[in-house]
Amino acid sequence: MNVSYNKLFKLLIDKGMKKTDLRIATGISPNTLTKLSNNDYVSMEVLVKICRVLECDFGDIMELVQIKRQE
């Protein structure tokens, strides 16, 4: 399984926020924002900060997706 943060970026659009706004509001580093943009793993602490700022739950900002296997 892989992680996808597409829900996070859709939520930002709905709230009229830019990625930079989220980074500043949460205090996360630019490198962490890049990890989110690349659907890489980030710490639980980062996810909690994002949920606090956006007043949402984990399922609102991320999801696990199946890895498609090549045959």
PDB file of N, CA and C in Angstrom:
ATOM      1  N   MET A   1       0.834  -1.186   0.000  1.00  0.00           N
ATOM      2  CA  MET A   1       0.000   0.000   0.000  1.00  0.00           C
ATOM      3  C   MET A   1       0.879   1.249   0.000  1.00  0.00           C
ATOM      4  N   ASN A   2       0.405   2.243  -0.693  1.00  0.00           N
ATOM      5  CA  ASN A   2       1.051   3.557  -0.719  1.00  0.00           C
ATOM      6  C   ASN A   2       0.116   4.586  -0.112  1.00  0.00           C
ATOM      7  N   VAL A   3       0.682   5.702   0.274  1.00  0.00           N
ATOM      8  CA  VAL A   3      -0.107   6.781   0.833  1.00  0.00           C
ATOM      9  C   VAL A   3      -0.336   7.839  -0.249  1.00  0.00           C
ATOM     10  N   SER A   4      -1.507   8.454  -0.210  1.00  0.00           N
ATOM     11  CA  SER A   4      -1.835   9.537  -1.140  1.00  0.00           C
ATOM     12  C   SER A   4      -2.384  10.716  -0.343  1.00  0.00           C
ATOM     13  N   TYR A   5      -1.862  11.891  -0.642  1.00  0.00           N
ATOM     14  CA  TYR A   5      -2.317  13.117   0.024  1.00  0.00           C
ATOM     15  C   TYR A   5      -3.173  13.976  -0.905  1.00  0.00           C
ATOM     16  N   ASN A   6      -3.734  13.382  -1.940  1.00  0.00           N
ATOM     17  CA  ASN A   6      -4.579  14.133  -2.867  1.00  0.00           C
ATOM     18  C   ASN A   6      -5.753  14.796  -2.148  1.00  0.00           C
ATOM     19  N   LYS A   7      -6.297  14.114  -1.141  1.00  0.00           N
ATOM     20  CA  LYS A   7      -7.409  14.694  -0.379  1.00  0.00           C
ATOM     21  C   LYS A   7      -6.981  15.991   0.310  1.00  0.00           C
ATOM     22  N   LEU A   8      -5.749  16.018   0.800  1.00  0.00           N
ATOM     23  CA  LEU A   8      -5.224  17.222   1.454  1.00  0.00           C
ATOM     24  C   LEU A   8      -5.218  18.388   0.486  1.00  0.00           C
ATOM     25  N   PHE A   9      -4.709  18.169  -0.713  1.00  0.00           N
ATOM     26  CA  PHE A   9      -4.580  19.264  -1.666  1.00  0.00           C
ATOM     27  C   PHE A   9      -5.937  19.710  -2.203  1.00  0.00           C
ATOM     28  N   LYS A  10      -6.895  18.800  -2.281  1.00  0.00           N
ATOM     29  CA  LYS A  10      -8.262  19.187  -2.652  1.00  0.00           C
ATOM     30  C   LYS A  10      -8.889  20.028  -1.536  1.00  0.00           C
ATOM     31  N   LEU A  11      -8.623  19.630  -0.288  1.00  0.00           N
ATOM     32  CA  LEU A  11      -9.150  20.375   0.855  1.00  0.00           C
ATOM     33  C   LEU A  11      -8.566  21.788   0.897  1.00  0.00           C
ATOM     34  N   LEU A  12      -7.282  21.901   0.590  1.00  0.00           N
ATOM     35  CA  LEU A  12      -6.666  23.237   0.547  1.00  0.00           C
ATOM     36  C   LEU A  12      -7.349  24.116  -0.486  1.00  0.00           C
ATOM     37  N   ILE A  13      -7.646  23.557  -1.646  1.00  0.00           N
ATOM     38  CA  ILE A  13      -8.343  24.314  -2.686  1.00  0.00           C
ATOM     39  C   ILE A  13      -9.706  24.767  -2.175  1.00  0.00           C
ATOM     40  N   ASP A  14     -10.438  23.846  -1.528  1.00  0.00           N
ATOM     41  CA  ASP A  14     -11.762  24.175  -0.995  1.00  0.00           C
ATOM     42  C   ASP A  14     -11.699  25.300   0.036  1.00  0.00           C
ATOM     43  N   LYS A  15     -10.614  25.333   0.806  1.00  0.00           N
ATOM     44  CA  LYS A  15     -10.474  26.346   1.855  1.00  0.00           C
ATOM     45  C   LYS A  15      -9.778  27.614   1.340  1.00  0.00           C
ATOM     46  N   GLY A  16      -9.401  27.612   0.060  1.00  0.00           N
ATOM     47  CA  GLY A  16      -8.740  28.781  -0.511  1.00  0.00           C
ATOM     48  C   GLY A  16      -7.333  28.991   0.014  1.00  0.00           C
ATOM     49  N   MET A  17      -6.669  27.898   0.380  1.00  0.00           N
ATOM     50  CA  MET A  17      -5.305  27.984   0.904  1.00  0.00           C
ATOM     51  C   MET A  17      -4.312  27.488  -0.131  1.00  0.00           C
ATOM     52  N   LYS A  18      -3.121  28.044  -0.084  1.00  0.00           N
ATOM     53  CA  LYS A  18      -2.012  27.564  -0.905  1.00  0.00           C
ATOM     54  C   LYS A  18      -1.141  26.661  -0.044  1.00  0.00           C
ATOM     55  N   LYS A  19      -0.306  25.873  -0.702  1.00  0.00           N
ATOM     56  CA  LYS A  19       0.602  24.993   0.040  1.00  0.00           C
ATOM     57  C   LYS A  19       1.492  25.796   0.980  1.00  0.00           C
ATOM     58  N   THR A  20       1.924  26.956   0.525  1.00  0.00           N
ATOM     59  CA  THR A  20       2.773  27.805   1.366  1.00  0.00           C
ATOM     60  C   THR A  20       2.022  28.278   2.605  1.00  0.00           C
ATOM     61  N   ASP A  21       0.738  28.586   2.457  1.00  0.00           N
ATOM     62  CA  ASP A  21      -0.080  28.983   3.609  1.00  0.00           C
ATOM     63  C   ASP A  21      -0.121  27.855   4.639  1.00  0.00           C
ATOM     64  N   LEU A  22      -0.298  26.634   4.151  1.00  0.00           N
ATOM     65  CA  LEU A  22      -0.335  25.473   5.052  1.00  0.00           C
ATOM     66  C   LEU A  22       1.005  25.310   5.753  1.00  0.00           C
ATOM     67  N   ARG A  23       2.076  25.445   5.010  1.00  0.00           N
ATOM     68  CA  ARG A  23       3.415  25.286   5.588  1.00  0.00           C
ATOM     69  C   ARG A  23       3.655  26.288   6.706  1.00  0.00           C
ATOM     70  N   ILE A  24       3.275  27.521   6.474  1.00  0.00           N
ATOM     71  CA  ILE A  24       3.471  28.562   7.486  1.00  0.00           C
ATOM     72  C   ILE A  24       2.562  28.331   8.694  1.00  0.00           C
ATOM     73  N   ALA A  25       1.309  27.999   8.456  1.00  0.00           N
ATOM     74  CA  ALA A  25       0.348  27.801   9.549  1.00  0.00           C
ATOM     75  C   ALA A  25       0.713  26.615  10.432  1.00  0.00           C
ATOM     76  N   THR A  26       1.299  25.582   9.848  1.00  0.00           N
ATOM     77  CA  THR A  26       1.641  24.375  10.613  1.00  0.00           C
ATOM     78  C   THR A  26       3.062  24.401  11.147  1.00  0.00           C
ATOM     79  N   GLY A  27       3.910  25.208  10.520  1.00  0.00           N
ATOM     80  CA  GLY A  27       5.310  25.246  10.940  1.00  0.00           C
ATOM     81  C   GLY A  27       6.137  24.099  10.377  1.00  0.00           C
ATOM     82  N   ILE A  28       5.614  23.414   9.362  1.00  0.00           N
ATOM     83  CA  ILE A  28       6.379  22.321   8.767  1.00  0.00           C
ATOM     84  C   ILE A  28       7.423  22.883   7.811  1.00  0.00           C
ATOM     85  N   SER A  29       8.445  22.099   7.552  1.00  0.00           N
ATOM     86  CA  SER A  29       9.541  22.559   6.697  1.00  0.00           C
ATOM     87  C   SER A  29       9.179  22.436   5.219  1.00  0.00           C
ATOM     88  N   PRO A  30       9.881  23.171   4.375  1.00  0.00           N
ATOM     89  CA  PRO A  30       9.672  23.021   2.936  1.00  0.00           C
ATOM     90  C   PRO A  30       9.924  21.583   2.464  1.00  0.00           C
ATOM     91  N   ASN A  31      10.893  20.903   3.078  1.00  0.00           N
ATOM     92  CA  ASN A  31      11.174  19.512   2.710  1.00  0.00           C
ATOM     93  C   ASN A  31       9.990  18.606   3.015  1.00  0.00           C
ATOM     94  N   THR A  32       9.326  18.843   4.126  1.00  0.00           N
ATOM     95  CA  THR A  32       8.156  18.047   4.488  1.00  0.00           C
ATOM     96  C   THR A  32       7.018  18.307   3.519  1.00  0.00           C
ATOM     97  N   LEU A  33       6.848  19.542   3.118  1.00  0.00           N
ATOM     98  CA  LEU A  33       5.824  19.873   2.127  1.00  0.00           C
ATOM     99  C   LEU A  33       6.105  19.167   0.797  1.00  0.00           C
ATOM    100  N   THR A  34       7.375  19.081   0.438  1.00  0.00           N
ATOM    101  CA  THR A  34       7.759  18.357  -0.773  1.00  0.00           C
ATOM    102  C   THR A  34       7.416  16.874  -0.637  1.00  0.00           C
ATOM    103  N   LYS A  35       7.663  16.298   0.533  1.00  0.00           N
ATOM    104  CA  LYS A  35       7.304  14.893   0.768  1.00  0.00           C
ATOM    105  C   LYS A  35       5.807  14.683   0.583  1.00  0.00           C
ATOM    106  N   LEU A  36       5.006  15.596   1.107  1.00  0.00           N
ATOM    107  CA  LEU A  36       3.557  15.495   0.943  1.00  0.00           C
ATOM    108  C   LEU A  36       3.174  15.573  -0.534  1.00  0.00           C
ATOM    109  N   SER A  37       3.795  16.489  -1.244  1.00  0.00           N
ATOM    110  CA  SER A  37       3.500  16.662  -2.670  1.00  0.00           C
ATOM    111  C   SER A  37       3.878  15.427  -3.482  1.00  0.00           C
ATOM    112  N   ASN A  38       4.892  14.698  -3.009  1.00  0.00           N
ATOM    113  CA  ASN A  38       5.358  13.496  -3.697  1.00  0.00           C
ATOM    114  C   ASN A  38       4.732  12.215  -3.151  1.00  0.00           C
ATOM    115  N   ASN A  39       3.740  12.365  -2.269  1.00  0.00           N
ATOM    116  CA  ASN A  39       3.072  11.213  -1.636  1.00  0.00           C
ATOM    117  C   ASN A  39       4.058  10.294  -0.917  1.00  0.00           C
ATOM    118  N   ASP A  40       5.054  10.903  -0.264  1.00  0.00           N
ATOM    119  CA  ASP A  40       5.992  10.159   0.566  1.00  0.00           C
ATOM    120  C   ASP A  40       5.471  10.137   2.001  1.00  0.00           C
ATOM    121  N   TYR A  41       6.005   9.230   2.796  1.00  0.00           N
ATOM    122  CA  TYR A  41       5.594   9.129   4.188  1.00  0.00           C
ATOM    123  C   TYR A  41       6.104  10.324   4.986  1.00  0.00           C
ATOM    124  N   VAL A  42       5.256  10.826   5.881  1.00  0.00           N
ATOM    125  CA  VAL A  42       5.637  11.873   6.828  1.00  0.00           C
ATOM    126  C   VAL A  42       5.260  11.390   8.220  1.00  0.00           C
ATOM    127  N   SER A  43       5.766  12.061   9.224  1.00  0.00           N
ATOM    128  CA  SER A  43       5.525  11.625  10.601  1.00  0.00           C
ATOM    129  C   SER A  43       4.077  11.883  11.037  1.00  0.00           C
ATOM    130  N   MET A  44       3.686  11.158  12.044  1.00  0.00           N
ATOM    131  CA  MET A  44       2.360  11.346  12.634  1.00  0.00           C
ATOM    132  C   MET A  44       2.236  12.755  13.198  1.00  0.00           C
ATOM    133  N   GLU A  45       3.332  13.285  13.717  1.00  0.00           N
ATOM    134  CA  GLU A  45       3.333  14.643  14.264  1.00  0.00           C
ATOM    135  C   GLU A  45       2.939  15.661  13.192  1.00  0.00           C
ATOM    136  N   VAL A  46       3.452  15.495  11.986  1.00  0.00           N
ATOM    137  CA  VAL A  46       3.121  16.393  10.877  1.00  0.00           C
ATOM    138  C   VAL A  46       1.638  16.274  10.544  1.00  0.00           C
ATOM    139  N   LEU A  47       1.132  15.064  10.471  1.00  0.00           N
ATOM    140  CA  LEU A  47      -0.277  14.853  10.141  1.00  0.00           C
ATOM    141  C   LEU A  47      -1.184  15.485  11.193  1.00  0.00           C
ATOM    142  N   VAL A  48      -0.808  15.373  12.459  1.00  0.00           N
ATOM    143  CA  VAL A  48      -1.599  15.971  13.538  1.00  0.00           C
ATOM    144  C   VAL A  48      -1.598  17.494  13.415  1.00  0.00           C
ATOM    145  N   LYS A  49      -0.450  18.083  13.119  1.00  0.00           N
ATOM    146  CA  LYS A  49      -0.379  19.543  12.939  1.00  0.00           C
ATOM    147  C   LYS A  49      -1.307  19.997  11.822  1.00  0.00           C
ATOM    148  N   ILE A  50      -1.293  19.262  10.713  1.00  0.00           N
ATOM    149  CA  ILE A  50      -2.147  19.614   9.581  1.00  0.00           C
ATOM    150  C   ILE A  50      -3.616  19.506   9.966  1.00  0.00           C
ATOM    151  N   CYS A  51      -3.980  18.426  10.645  1.00  0.00           N
ATOM    152  CA  CYS A  51      -5.376  18.236  11.048  1.00  0.00           C
ATOM    153  C   CYS A  51      -5.839  19.319  12.018  1.00  0.00           C
ATOM    154  N   ARG A  52      -4.964  19.733  12.909  1.00  0.00           N
ATOM    155  CA  ARG A  52      -5.325  20.810  13.841  1.00  0.00           C
ATOM    156  C   ARG A  52      -5.604  22.108  13.100  1.00  0.00           C
ATOM    157  N   VAL A  53      -4.724  22.449  12.170  1.00  0.00           N
ATOM    158  CA  VAL A  53      -4.879  23.708  11.431  1.00  0.00           C
ATOM    159  C   VAL A  53      -6.121  23.678  10.551  1.00  0.00           C
ATOM    160  N   LEU A  54      -6.354  22.558   9.883  1.00  0.00           N
ATOM    161  CA  LEU A  54      -7.485  22.456   8.961  1.00  0.00           C
ATOM    162  C   LEU A  54      -8.777  21.994   9.641  1.00  0.00           C
ATOM    163  N   GLU A  55      -8.687  21.688  10.950  1.00  0.00           N
ATOM    164  CA  GLU A  55      -9.837  21.220  11.731  1.00  0.00           C
ATOM    165  C   GLU A  55     -10.513  20.032  11.050  1.00  0.00           C
ATOM    166  N   CYS A  56      -9.703  18.980  10.833  1.00  0.00           N
ATOM    167  CA  CYS A  56     -10.206  17.788  10.160  1.00  0.00           C
ATOM    168  C   CYS A  56      -9.577  16.542  10.779  1.00  0.00           C
ATOM    169  N   ASP A  57      -9.857  15.396  10.197  1.00  0.00           N
ATOM    170  CA  ASP A  57      -9.330  14.121  10.666  1.00  0.00           C
ATOM    171  C   ASP A  57      -8.371  13.565   9.615  1.00  0.00           C
ATOM    172  N   PHE A  58      -7.615  12.535   9.985  1.00  0.00           N
ATOM    173  CA  PHE A  58      -6.638  11.943   9.067  1.00  0.00           C
ATOM    174  C   PHE A  58      -7.268  11.513   7.743  1.00  0.00           C
ATOM    175  N   GLY A  59      -8.430  10.910   7.804  1.00  0.00           N
ATOM    176  CA  GLY A  59      -9.102  10.433   6.606  1.00  0.00           C
ATOM    177  C   GLY A  59      -9.513  11.548   5.655  1.00  0.00           C
ATOM    178  N   ASP A  60      -9.529  12.780   6.157  1.00  0.00           N
ATOM    179  CA  ASP A  60      -9.871  13.926   5.314  1.00  0.00           C
ATOM    180  C   ASP A  60      -8.685  14.431   4.498  1.00  0.00           C
ATOM    181  N   ILE A  61      -7.459  14.019   4.894  1.00  0.00           N
ATOM    182  CA  ILE A  61      -6.273  14.544   4.215  1.00  0.00           C
ATOM    183  C   ILE A  61      -5.432  13.474   3.535  1.00  0.00           C
ATOM    184  N   MET A  62      -5.696  12.220   3.812  1.00  0.00           N
ATOM    185  CA  MET A  62      -4.870  11.155   3.238  1.00  0.00           C
ATOM    186  C   MET A  62      -5.667   9.881   3.063  1.00  0.00           C
ATOM    187  N   GLU A  63      -5.128   8.994   2.242  1.00  0.00           N
ATOM    188  CA  GLU A  63      -5.716   7.670   2.094  1.00  0.00           C
ATOM    189  C   GLU A  63      -4.631   6.695   1.665  1.00  0.00           C
ATOM    190  N   LEU A  64      -4.870   5.432   1.934  1.00  0.00           N
ATOM    191  CA  LEU A  64      -3.976   4.377   1.473  1.00  0.00           C
ATOM    192  C   LEU A  64      -4.499   3.866   0.145  1.00  0.00           C
ATOM    193  N   VAL A  65      -3.598   3.692  -0.802  1.00  0.00           N
ATOM    194  CA  VAL A  65      -3.988   3.212  -2.121  1.00  0.00           C
ATOM    195  C   VAL A  65      -3.208   1.950  -2.453  1.00  0.00           C
ATOM    196  N   GLN A  66      -3.852   1.067  -3.193  1.00  0.00           N
ATOM    197  CA  GLN A  66      -3.222  -0.181  -3.607  1.00  0.00           C
ATOM    198  C   GLN A  66      -2.123   0.091  -4.626  1.00  0.00           C
ATOM    199  N   ILE A  67      -1.075  -0.658  -4.522  1.00  0.00           N
ATOM    200  CA  ILE A  67      -0.008  -0.605  -5.515  1.00  0.00           C
ATOM    201  C   ILE A  67      -0.427  -1.520  -6.660  1.00  0.00           C
ATOM    202  N   LYS A  68      -0.406  -0.975  -7.850  1.00  0.00           N
ATOM    203  CA  LYS A  68      -0.760  -1.788  -9.016  1.00  0.00           C
ATOM    204  C   LYS A  68       0.454  -2.616  -9.413  1.00  0.00           C
ATOM    205  N   ARG A  69       0.247  -3.909  -9.456  1.00  0.00           N
ATOM    206  CA  ARG A  69       1.337  -4.819  -9.821  1.00  0.00           C
ATOM    207  C   ARG A  69       1.357  -5.048 -11.326  1.00  0.00           C
ATOM    208  N   GLN A  70       2.556  -5.113 -11.831  1.00  0.00           N
ATOM    209  CA  GLN A  70       2.704  -5.420 -13.249  1.00  0.00           C
ATOM    210  C   GLN A  70       2.722  -6.924 -13.421  1.00  0.00           C
ATOM    211  N   GLU A  71       2.078  -7.394 -14.465  1.00  0.00           N
ATOM    212  CA  GLU A  71       2.031  -8.832 -14.703  1.00  0.00           C
ATOM    213  C   GLU A  71       2.915  -9.213 -15.854  1.00  0.00           C
TER     214      GLU A  71
END
